[in-house]
Amino acid sequence: MKNSKNSLRIGIAVAVIVGTIGWLAFSGYGSSKSYYVTIAELGGMGDRAYKSNLRVEGFVQPGSIEQSGPHVTFLLNEFESHSPKAASGHLLKVVYKGSEPPPDTFKDDAQALAMGTYGRDGVFHATELQAKCASKYAPAQNGSAPANPRAAAAQVPQNDAPAMAN
């Protein structure tokens, strides 16, 4: 009789521990899940947009960055500013309040990925922010010619050291 009582207690303890671990794993999986959406898709998500963790990518609108310590407010555009589509692109206001300042590559026209939640106020509240370098291949300004790498290489002085004899 004594063995069956101990076995029952151990069985109940194991069941409680396994159940608790299973519940934590299931609830942790659901809370860490995030959806990748474009700025245009965000508007069509309806109520799901307000209840989900989201990742939104776009280009930082030039002149929109307002920084106060590690907190930043800016606009994301779905197109780069020098794109012909930029004027008709959807804009999204992003408020970043993270524990770290934004990366050094976070500048005007940089491609940025904001992770957080979309508020009913129409503002994306980001807790994480990643940025890529701004495009180095922007169109040439009017009247300027592209750089010629061969001409620049021809102007580099050659080493005047004599050739080695065999």
C-alpha atoms as a PDB file:
ATOM      1  CA  MET A   1       0.000   0.000   0.000  1.00  0.00           C
ATOM      2  CA  LYS A   2       2.878   2.357   0.830  1.00  0.00           C
ATOM      3  CA  ASN A   3       4.455   1.942  -2.623  1.00  0.00           C
ATOM      4  CA  SER A   4       1.237   2.831  -4.420  1.00  0.00           C
ATOM      5  CA  LYS A   5       0.811   6.076  -2.397  1.00  0.00           C
ATOM      6  CA  ASN A   6       4.378   7.169  -3.217  1.00  0.00           C
ATOM      7  CA  SER A   7       3.916   6.209  -6.853  1.00  0.00           C
ATOM      8  CA  LEU A   8       0.693   8.219  -6.990  1.00  0.00           C
ATOM      9  CA  ARG A   9       2.386  11.294  -5.450  1.00  0.00           C
ATOM     10  CA  ILE A  10       5.321  11.049  -7.852  1.00  0.00           C
ATOM     11  CA  GLY A  11       2.953  10.588 -10.797  1.00  0.00           C
ATOM     12  CA  ILE A  12       0.927  13.663  -9.817  1.00  0.00           C
ATOM     13  CA  ALA A  13       4.106  15.740  -9.328  1.00  0.00           C
ATOM     14  CA  VAL A  14       5.463  14.665 -12.730  1.00  0.00           C
ATOM     15  CA  ALA A  15       2.119  15.423 -14.397  1.00  0.00           C
ATOM     16  CA  VAL A  16       2.015  18.919 -12.833  1.00  0.00           C
ATOM     17  CA  ILE A  17       5.614  19.670 -13.894  1.00  0.00           C
ATOM     18  CA  VAL A  18       5.126  18.373 -17.457  1.00  0.00           C
ATOM     19  CA  GLY A  19       1.814  20.242 -17.750  1.00  0.00           C
ATOM     20  CA  THR A  20       3.397  23.490 -16.529  1.00  0.00           C
ATOM     21  CA  ILE A  21       6.315  23.183 -18.972  1.00  0.00           C
ATOM     22  CA  GLY A  22       3.906  22.445 -21.828  1.00  0.00           C
ATOM     23  CA  TRP A  23       1.719  25.433 -20.984  1.00  0.00           C
ATOM     24  CA  LEU A  24       4.762  27.770 -20.759  1.00  0.00           C
ATOM     25  CA  ALA A  25       6.089  26.501 -24.095  1.00  0.00           C
ATOM     26  CA  PHE A  26       2.715  26.972 -25.817  1.00  0.00           C
ATOM     27  CA  SER A  27       2.080  30.463 -24.410  1.00  0.00           C
ATOM     28  CA  GLY A  28       5.680  31.555 -25.118  1.00  0.00           C
ATOM     29  CA  TYR A  29       5.418  30.419 -28.724  1.00  0.00           C
ATOM     30  CA  GLY A  30       2.271  32.431 -29.290  1.00  0.00           C
ATOM     31  CA  SER A  31       3.652  35.630 -27.780  1.00  0.00           C
ATOM     32  CA  SER A  32       6.944  35.531 -29.693  1.00  0.00           C
ATOM     33  CA  LYS A  33       5.306  34.980 -33.073  1.00  0.00           C
ATOM     34  CA  SER A  34       5.366  38.045 -35.320  1.00  0.00           C
ATOM     35  CA  TYR A  35       4.003  38.693 -38.798  1.00  0.00           C
ATOM     36  CA  TYR A  36       5.985  40.413 -41.567  1.00  0.00           C
ATOM     37  CA  VAL A  37       3.791  42.902 -43.413  1.00  0.00           C
ATOM     38  CA  THR A  38       4.362  45.734 -45.829  1.00  0.00           C
ATOM     39  CA  ILE A  39       3.119  49.210 -45.033  1.00  0.00           C
ATOM     40  CA  ALA A  40       0.337  48.836 -47.613  1.00  0.00           C
ATOM     41  CA  GLU A  41      -0.784  45.472 -46.153  1.00  0.00           C
ATOM     42  CA  LEU A  42      -0.913  46.891 -42.634  1.00  0.00           C
ATOM     43  CA  GLY A  43      -3.952  49.021 -43.447  1.00  0.00           C
ATOM     44  CA  GLY A  44      -5.887  46.031 -44.783  1.00  0.00           C
ATOM     45  CA  MET A  45      -5.351  43.769 -41.786  1.00  0.00           C
ATOM     46  CA  GLY A  46      -8.302  45.109 -39.798  1.00  0.00           C
ATOM     47  CA  ASP A  47      -8.430  44.254 -36.084  1.00  0.00           C
ATOM     48  CA  ARG A  48      -5.674  41.639 -36.449  1.00  0.00           C
ATOM     49  CA  ALA A  49      -3.191  44.514 -36.870  1.00  0.00           C
ATOM     50  CA  TYR A  50      -3.888  45.728 -33.333  1.00  0.00           C
ATOM     51  CA  LYS A  51      -3.566  42.310 -31.696  1.00  0.00           C
ATOM     52  CA  SER A  52      -0.408  40.953 -33.336  1.00  0.00           C
ATOM     53  CA  ASN A  53       3.321  41.439 -33.034  1.00  0.00           C
ATOM     54  CA  LEU A  54       4.417  42.788 -36.410  1.00  0.00           C
ATOM     55  CA  ARG A  55       7.553  43.487 -38.448  1.00  0.00           C
ATOM     56  CA  VAL A  56       7.239  46.331 -40.956  1.00  0.00           C
ATOM     57  CA  GLU A  57       9.895  47.310 -43.477  1.00  0.00           C
ATOM     58  CA  GLY A  58      10.253  50.538 -45.416  1.00  0.00           C
ATOM     59  CA  PHE A  59      12.543  53.463 -46.152  1.00  0.00           C
ATOM     60  CA  VAL A  60      13.129  56.291 -43.677  1.00  0.00           C
ATOM     61  CA  GLN A  61      11.472  59.418 -45.056  1.00  0.00           C
ATOM     62  CA  PRO A  62      14.136  62.145 -45.426  1.00  0.00           C
ATOM     63  CA  GLY A  63      13.827  64.879 -42.798  1.00  0.00           C
ATOM     64  CA  SER A  64      11.402  62.928 -40.587  1.00  0.00           C
ATOM     65  CA  ILE A  65      13.812  61.653 -37.913  1.00  0.00           C
ATOM     66  CA  GLU A  66      13.263  63.188 -34.459  1.00  0.00           C
ATOM     67  CA  GLN A  67      15.586  61.694 -31.846  1.00  0.00           C
ATOM     68  CA  SER A  68      15.562  62.158 -28.086  1.00  0.00           C
ATOM     69  CA  GLY A  69      18.205  59.908 -26.526  1.00  0.00           C
ATOM     70  CA  PRO A  70      17.459  56.309 -27.444  1.00  0.00           C
ATOM     71  CA  HIS A  71      13.862  57.172 -28.461  1.00  0.00           C
ATOM     72  CA  VAL A  72      13.155  58.027 -32.105  1.00  0.00           C
ATOM     73  CA  THR A  73      10.085  59.124 -34.036  1.00  0.00           C
ATOM     74  CA  PHE A  74      10.170  58.905 -37.835  1.00  0.00           C
ATOM     75  CA  LEU A  75       8.150  58.127 -40.949  1.00  0.00           C
ATOM     76  CA  LEU A  76       8.546  54.979 -43.033  1.00  0.00           C
ATOM     77  CA  ASN A  77       7.747  55.150 -46.740  1.00  0.00           C
ATOM     78  CA  GLU A  78       7.276  52.006 -48.770  1.00  0.00           C
ATOM     79  CA  PHE A  79       9.531  53.490 -51.504  1.00  0.00           C
ATOM     80  CA  GLU A  80      12.918  55.264 -51.469  1.00  0.00           C
ATOM     81  CA  SER A  81      12.680  59.043 -51.818  1.00  0.00           C
ATOM     82  CA  HIS A  82      14.378  59.115 -55.217  1.00  0.00           C
ATOM     83  CA  SER A  83      11.972  56.499 -56.629  1.00  0.00           C
ATOM     84  CA  PRO A  84       9.288  57.841 -58.985  1.00  0.00           C
ATOM     85  CA  LYS A  85       6.719  55.968 -56.850  1.00  0.00           C
ATOM     86  CA  ALA A  86       7.798  57.694 -53.589  1.00  0.00           C
ATOM     87  CA  ALA A  87       5.223  60.477 -53.818  1.00  0.00           C
ATOM     88  CA  SER A  88       2.360  57.951 -53.926  1.00  0.00           C
ATOM     89  CA  GLY A  89       3.862  55.585 -51.348  1.00  0.00           C
ATOM     90  CA  HIS A  90       2.085  54.781 -48.115  1.00  0.00           C
ATOM     91  CA  LEU A  91       3.597  56.442 -45.034  1.00  0.00           C
ATOM     92  CA  LEU A  92       3.686  55.000 -41.527  1.00  0.00           C
ATOM     93  CA  LYS A  93       4.582  56.940 -38.393  1.00  0.00           C
ATOM     94  CA  VAL A  94       6.893  54.909 -36.156  1.00  0.00           C
ATOM     95  CA  VAL A  95       7.713  55.619 -32.516  1.00  0.00           C
ATOM     96  CA  TYR A  96      10.715  53.605 -31.324  1.00  0.00           C
ATOM     97  CA  LYS A  97      11.178  53.285 -27.569  1.00  0.00           C
ATOM     98  CA  GLY A  98      13.836  50.661 -27.130  1.00  0.00           C
ATOM     99  CA  SER A  99      16.538  50.084 -24.594  1.00  0.00           C
ATOM    100  CA  GLU A 100      19.304  50.828 -27.109  1.00  0.00           C
ATOM    101  CA  PRO A 101      19.761  53.809 -29.433  1.00  0.00           C
ATOM    102  CA  PRO A 102      19.107  53.222 -33.134  1.00  0.00           C
ATOM    103  CA  PRO A 103      22.002  51.801 -35.178  1.00  0.00           C
ATOM    104  CA  ASP A 104      24.545  54.111 -36.851  1.00  0.00           C
ATOM    105  CA  THR A 105      23.177  53.149 -40.262  1.00  0.00           C
ATOM    106  CA  PHE A 106      19.763  54.600 -39.334  1.00  0.00           C
ATOM    107  CA  LYS A 107      19.637  57.715 -41.559  1.00  0.00           C
ATOM    108  CA  ASP A 108      17.443  59.351 -44.180  1.00  0.00           C
ATOM    109  CA  ASP A 109      16.505  56.912 -46.966  1.00  0.00           C
ATOM    110  CA  ALA A 110      17.936  53.927 -45.058  1.00  0.00           C
ATOM    111  CA  GLN A 111      15.972  50.726 -45.326  1.00  0.00           C
ATOM    112  CA  ALA A 112      14.578  50.044 -41.849  1.00  0.00           C
ATOM    113  CA  LEU A 113      12.803  47.141 -40.192  1.00  0.00           C
ATOM    114  CA  ALA A 114      10.649  48.006 -37.179  1.00  0.00           C
ATOM    115  CA  MET A 115       9.338  45.303 -34.842  1.00  0.00           C
ATOM    116  CA  GLY A 116       6.486  46.015 -32.455  1.00  0.00           C
ATOM    117  CA  THR A 117       2.752  46.635 -32.403  1.00  0.00           C
ATOM    118  CA  TYR A 118       0.349  48.818 -34.361  1.00  0.00           C
ATOM    119  CA  GLY A 119      -1.782  51.110 -32.227  1.00  0.00           C
ATOM    120  CA  ARG A 120      -5.341  52.241 -32.840  1.00  0.00           C
ATOM    121  CA  ASP A 121      -3.893  55.767 -33.052  1.00  0.00           C
ATOM    122  CA  GLY A 122      -2.342  54.822 -36.429  1.00  0.00           C
ATOM    123  CA  VAL A 123       1.186  54.817 -35.007  1.00  0.00           C
ATOM    124  CA  PHE A 124       3.512  51.825 -35.082  1.00  0.00           C
ATOM    125  CA  HIS A 125       5.096  51.375 -31.628  1.00  0.00           C
ATOM    126  CA  ALA A 126       8.466  49.704 -32.184  1.00  0.00           C
ATOM    127  CA  THR A 127      10.538  47.966 -29.538  1.00  0.00           C
ATOM    128  CA  GLU A 128      13.289  46.855 -31.950  1.00  0.00           C
ATOM    129  CA  LEU A 129      14.803  48.672 -34.895  1.00  0.00           C
ATOM    130  CA  GLN A 130      17.197  47.485 -37.594  1.00  0.00           C
ATOM    131  CA  ALA A 131      18.595  49.540 -40.458  1.00  0.00           C
ATOM    132  CA  LYS A 132      20.565  48.882 -43.609  1.00  0.00           C
ATOM    133  CA  CYS A 133      22.841  51.434 -45.272  1.00  0.00           C
ATOM    134  CA  ALA A 134      21.162  54.086 -47.367  1.00  0.00           C
ATOM    135  CA  SER A 135      21.370  53.359 -51.067  1.00  0.00           C
ATOM    136  CA  LYS A 136      24.771  54.264 -52.481  1.00  0.00           C
ATOM    137  CA  TYR A 137      23.451  53.873 -56.009  1.00  0.00           C
ATOM    138  CA  ALA A 138      21.165  56.864 -56.075  1.00  0.00           C
ATOM    139  CA  PRO A 139      20.609  58.409 -59.486  1.00  0.00           C
ATOM    140  CA  ALA A 140      23.236  60.936 -60.603  1.00  0.00           C
ATOM    141  CA  GLN A 141      22.425  64.597 -60.033  1.00  0.00           C
ATOM    142  CA  ASN A 142      21.579  66.670 -63.108  1.00  0.00           C
ATOM    143  CA  GLY A 143      24.712  67.620 -65.020  1.00  0.00           C
ATOM    144  CA  SER A 144      27.048  65.254 -63.204  1.00  0.00           C
ATOM    145  CA  ALA A 145      28.745  62.365 -64.909  1.00  0.00           C
ATOM    146  CA  PRO A 146      29.332  58.985 -63.283  1.00  0.00           C
ATOM    147  CA  ALA A 147      32.812  58.414 -61.912  1.00  0.00           C
ATOM    148  CA  ASN A 148      35.208  56.549 -64.215  1.00  0.00           C
ATOM    149  CA  PRO A 149      37.198  54.029 -62.132  1.00  0.00           C
ATOM    150  CA  ARG A 150      39.688  53.391 -64.976  1.00  0.00           C
ATOM    151  CA  ALA A 151      40.624  57.064 -65.247  1.00  0.00           C
ATOM    152  CA  ALA A 152      41.142  57.250 -61.479  1.00  0.00           C
ATOM    153  CA  ALA A 153      43.369  54.148 -61.574  1.00  0.00           C
ATOM    154  CA  ALA A 154      45.507  55.656 -64.392  1.00  0.00           C
ATOM    155  CA  GLN A 155      46.271  58.663 -62.192  1.00  0.00           C
ATOM    156  CA  VAL A 156      47.718  56.556 -59.346  1.00  0.00           C
ATOM    157  CA  PRO A 157      51.538  56.897 -59.328  1.00  0.00           C
ATOM    158  CA  GLN A 158      53.435  53.702 -60.057  1.00  0.00           C
ATOM    159  CA  ASN A 159      56.202  52.388 -57.826  1.00  0.00           C
ATOM    160  CA  ASP A 160      59.632  53.642 -59.083  1.00  0.00           C
ATOM    161  CA  ALA A 161      61.549  50.638 -57.723  1.00  0.00           C
ATOM    162  CA  PRO A 162      63.802  48.942 -60.302  1.00  0.00           C
ATOM    163  CA  ALA A 163      62.796  45.531 -61.647  1.00  0.00           C
ATOM    164  CA  MET A 164      64.453  42.566 -59.968  1.00  0.00           C
ATOM    165  CA  ALA A 165      66.943  40.657 -62.111  1.00  0.00           C
ATOM    166  CA  ASN A 166      66.856  36.881 -62.212  1.00  0.00           C
END
